Amino acid sequence: MVKRVIATQKALKLIKKLQEEYGEILFHQSGGCCDGSVPLCYQKGDFKVGENDSFLGYIGEAPFYIHHSQYEYYKHTQLIINAKEGNGSEYSLEYGSGEMFVLELRLFSDEEVQALQTTS
């Protein structure tokens, strides 16, 4: 099965750490002017998912959403959530931990695009 969003082992480790500290969390793919386009992590209840947000899947048992306009831009790519050293966005839960979530992309093959269209 083709997934629209996945996480690396390093990101999954950071997700687990944040879940242990904060409980349920969720992700939203930012398209904001301040932080560029980064995956933001929120404690469940601290971010209101809107009617223009699309659910892409789960990473580390955390739901991942993206605004529809961002989805249109990324719909032919797989979002790969990774983690690296750094401070990240001050709006995201990992801020100040010395680690940050980053977005990496991989273009879907023609076969994957077709598979996604038949399951959507």
C-alpha atoms as a PDB file:
ATOM      1  CA  MET A   1       0.000   0.000   0.000  1.00  0.00           C
ATOM      2  CA  VAL A   2       1.298   3.426  -0.955  1.00  0.00           C
ATOM      3  CA  LYS A   3       1.394   5.949   1.877  1.00  0.00           C
ATOM      4  CA  ARG A   4       1.249   9.696   1.385  1.00  0.00           C
ATOM      5  CA  VAL A   5       3.231  10.378   4.558  1.00  0.00           C
ATOM      6  CA  ILE A   6       5.872   8.294   6.336  1.00  0.00           C
ATOM      7  CA  ALA A   7       8.453   8.913   9.060  1.00  0.00           C
ATOM      8  CA  THR A   8      12.076   7.881   9.402  1.00  0.00           C
ATOM      9  CA  GLN A   9      13.277   5.929  12.435  1.00  0.00           C
ATOM     10  CA  LYS A  10      14.874   9.092  13.803  1.00  0.00           C
ATOM     11  CA  ALA A  11      11.567  10.963  13.508  1.00  0.00           C
ATOM     12  CA  LEU A  12       9.654   8.059  15.067  1.00  0.00           C
ATOM     13  CA  LYS A  13      12.009   8.140  18.044  1.00  0.00           C
ATOM     14  CA  LEU A  14      11.344  11.858  18.540  1.00  0.00           C
ATOM     15  CA  ILE A  15       7.589  11.324  18.107  1.00  0.00           C
ATOM     16  CA  LYS A  16       7.616   8.646  20.813  1.00  0.00           C
ATOM     17  CA  LYS A  17       9.550  10.961  23.146  1.00  0.00           C
ATOM     18  CA  LEU A  18       6.995  13.731  22.611  1.00  0.00           C
ATOM     19  CA  GLN A  19       4.070  11.336  23.106  1.00  0.00           C
ATOM     20  CA  GLU A  20       5.545  10.192  26.412  1.00  0.00           C
ATOM     21  CA  GLU A  21       5.871  13.806  27.528  1.00  0.00           C
ATOM     22  CA  TYR A  22       2.667  15.329  26.103  1.00  0.00           C
ATOM     23  CA  GLY A  23       0.264  12.450  25.460  1.00  0.00           C
ATOM     24  CA  GLU A  24      -1.678  12.528  22.205  1.00  0.00           C
ATOM     25  CA  ILE A  25      -0.128  14.666  19.498  1.00  0.00           C
ATOM     26  CA  LEU A  26      -0.880  15.544  15.895  1.00  0.00           C
ATOM     27  CA  PHE A  27       1.006  16.988  12.955  1.00  0.00           C
ATOM     28  CA  HIS A  28       0.074  19.707  10.509  1.00  0.00           C
ATOM     29  CA  GLN A  29       2.124  20.515   7.447  1.00  0.00           C
ATOM     30  CA  SER A  30       2.855  24.205   7.657  1.00  0.00           C
ATOM     31  CA  GLY A  31       2.800  26.434   4.658  1.00  0.00           C
ATOM     32  CA  GLY A  32       3.273  29.584   6.668  1.00  0.00           C
ATOM     33  CA  CYS A  33       5.473  32.545   5.950  1.00  0.00           C
ATOM     34  CA  CYS A  34       7.347  32.472   9.265  1.00  0.00           C
ATOM     35  CA  ASP A  35       8.676  28.928   9.241  1.00  0.00           C
ATOM     36  CA  GLY A  36       8.499  28.059   5.587  1.00  0.00           C
ATOM     37  CA  SER A  37       7.033  24.656   4.920  1.00  0.00           C
ATOM     38  CA  VAL A  38       7.744  22.501   7.955  1.00  0.00           C
ATOM     39  CA  PRO A  39       5.852  19.755   9.762  1.00  0.00           C
ATOM     40  CA  LEU A  40       4.512  21.202  13.004  1.00  0.00           C
ATOM     41  CA  CYS A  41       3.747  18.997  15.993  1.00  0.00           C
ATOM     42  CA  TYR A  42       0.988  19.960  18.435  1.00  0.00           C
ATOM     43  CA  GLN A  43      -0.509  18.494  21.556  1.00  0.00           C
ATOM     44  CA  LYS A  44      -3.979  17.206  20.691  1.00  0.00           C
ATOM     45  CA  GLY A  45      -6.435  19.960  21.506  1.00  0.00           C
ATOM     46  CA  ASP A  46      -3.917  22.769  20.906  1.00  0.00           C
ATOM     47  CA  PHE A  47      -4.578  22.811  17.164  1.00  0.00           C
ATOM     48  CA  LYS A  48      -7.988  22.880  15.556  1.00  0.00           C
ATOM     49  CA  VAL A  49      -8.128  20.860  12.362  1.00  0.00           C
ATOM     50  CA  GLY A  50     -10.237  22.807   9.870  1.00  0.00           C
ATOM     51  CA  GLU A  51     -12.546  21.815   7.058  1.00  0.00           C
ATOM     52  CA  ASN A  52      -9.798  22.774   4.586  1.00  0.00           C
ATOM     53  CA  ASP A  53      -7.316  20.346   6.150  1.00  0.00           C
ATOM     54  CA  SER A  54      -6.810  16.892   4.660  1.00  0.00           C
ATOM     55  CA  PHE A  55      -5.814  13.813   6.634  1.00  0.00           C
ATOM     56  CA  LEU A  56      -2.812  12.077   5.026  1.00  0.00           C
ATOM     57  CA  GLY A  57      -2.225   9.227   7.449  1.00  0.00           C
ATOM     58  CA  TYR A  58      -0.495   8.352  10.704  1.00  0.00           C
ATOM     59  CA  ILE A  59       3.148   8.585  11.674  1.00  0.00           C
ATOM     60  CA  GLY A  60       4.014   6.964  14.984  1.00  0.00           C
ATOM     61  CA  GLU A  61       0.295   6.769  15.831  1.00  0.00           C
ATOM     62  CA  ALA A  62      -0.016  10.538  15.406  1.00  0.00           C
ATOM     63  CA  PRO A  63      -2.405  11.840  12.731  1.00  0.00           C
ATOM     64  CA  PHE A  64      -0.880  13.998  10.018  1.00  0.00           C
ATOM     65  CA  TYR A  65      -2.871  16.784   8.314  1.00  0.00           C
ATOM     66  CA  ILE A  66      -2.138  19.223   5.530  1.00  0.00           C
ATOM     67  CA  HIS A  67      -4.068  22.267   4.318  1.00  0.00           C
ATOM     68  CA  HIS A  68      -5.797  21.621   1.006  1.00  0.00           C
ATOM     69  CA  SER A  69      -3.742  24.268  -0.830  1.00  0.00           C
ATOM     70  CA  GLN A  70      -0.521  22.626   0.375  1.00  0.00           C
ATOM     71  CA  TYR A  71      -1.899  19.218  -0.564  1.00  0.00           C
ATOM     72  CA  GLU A  72      -2.450  20.388  -4.133  1.00  0.00           C
ATOM     73  CA  TYR A  73       1.216  21.357  -4.276  1.00  0.00           C
ATOM     74  CA  TYR A  74       2.467  18.071  -2.747  1.00  0.00           C
ATOM     75  CA  LYS A  75      -0.073  15.559  -4.090  1.00  0.00           C
ATOM     76  CA  HIS A  76       2.426  13.887  -6.429  1.00  0.00           C
ATOM     77  CA  THR A  77       5.006  13.380  -3.687  1.00  0.00           C
ATOM     78  CA  GLN A  78       5.403  11.241  -0.630  1.00  0.00           C
ATOM     79  CA  LEU A  79       6.047  13.337   2.461  1.00  0.00           C
ATOM     80  CA  ILE A  80       8.891  11.883   4.499  1.00  0.00           C
ATOM     81  CA  ILE A  81       9.133  13.284   8.005  1.00  0.00           C
ATOM     82  CA  ASN A  82      12.667  13.172   9.373  1.00  0.00           C
ATOM     83  CA  ALA A  83      14.374  14.641  12.433  1.00  0.00           C
ATOM     84  CA  LYS A  84      17.723  16.337  12.750  1.00  0.00           C
ATOM     85  CA  GLU A  85      19.655  18.463  15.211  1.00  0.00           C
ATOM     86  CA  GLY A  86      18.378  22.004  15.543  1.00  0.00           C
ATOM     87  CA  ASN A  87      15.743  24.148  17.208  1.00  0.00           C
ATOM     88  CA  GLY A  88      12.947  23.989  14.655  1.00  0.00           C
ATOM     89  CA  SER A  89       9.821  26.082  14.826  1.00  0.00           C
ATOM     90  CA  GLU A  90       8.906  27.747  18.080  1.00  0.00           C
ATOM     91  CA  TYR A  91       5.300  26.730  17.298  1.00  0.00           C
ATOM     92  CA  SER A  92       6.115  23.010  17.352  1.00  0.00           C
ATOM     93  CA  LEU A  93       6.331  20.795  20.468  1.00  0.00           C
ATOM     94  CA  GLU A  94       9.924  19.702  19.829  1.00  0.00           C
ATOM     95  CA  TYR A  95      11.164  23.313  19.984  1.00  0.00           C
ATOM     96  CA  GLY A  96      13.982  23.632  22.510  1.00  0.00           C
ATOM     97  CA  SER A  97      14.725  19.885  22.588  1.00  0.00           C
ATOM     98  CA  GLY A  98      17.758  20.192  20.330  1.00  0.00           C
ATOM     99  CA  GLU A  99      15.940  18.246  17.610  1.00  0.00           C
ATOM    100  CA  MET A 100      13.560  19.339  14.892  1.00  0.00           C
ATOM    101  CA  PHE A 101      11.236  17.765  12.377  1.00  0.00           C
ATOM    102  CA  VAL A 102      12.067  18.334   8.723  1.00  0.00           C
ATOM    103  CA  LEU A 103      10.222  17.555   5.523  1.00  0.00           C
ATOM    104  CA  GLU A 104      11.781  15.483   2.775  1.00  0.00           C
ATOM    105  CA  LEU A 105       9.995  14.576  -0.444  1.00  0.00           C
ATOM    106  CA  ARG A 106       9.977  11.730  -2.934  1.00  0.00           C
ATOM    107  CA  LEU A 107       8.059  11.834  -6.205  1.00  0.00           C
ATOM    108  CA  PHE A 108       5.577   9.024  -6.631  1.00  0.00           C
ATOM    109  CA  SER A 109       6.090   6.728  -9.589  1.00  0.00           C
ATOM    110  CA  ASP A 110       3.351   6.584 -12.240  1.00  0.00           C
ATOM    111  CA  GLU A 111       2.225   3.247 -10.778  1.00  0.00           C
ATOM    112  CA  GLU A 112       2.007   4.731  -7.281  1.00  0.00           C
ATOM    113  CA  VAL A 113      -0.016   7.704  -8.536  1.00  0.00           C
ATOM    114  CA  GLN A 114      -2.432   5.317 -10.221  1.00  0.00           C
ATOM    115  CA  ALA A 115      -2.699   3.196  -7.074  1.00  0.00           C
ATOM    116  CA  LEU A 116      -3.436   6.294  -4.990  1.00  0.00           C
ATOM    117  CA  GLN A 117      -6.129   7.412  -7.411  1.00  0.00           C
ATOM    118  CA  THR A 118      -7.924   4.063  -7.206  1.00  0.00           C
ATOM    119  CA  THR A 119      -7.889   4.045  -3.379  1.00  0.00           C
ATOM    120  CA  SER A 120      -8.923   7.692  -2.883  1.00  0.00           C
END
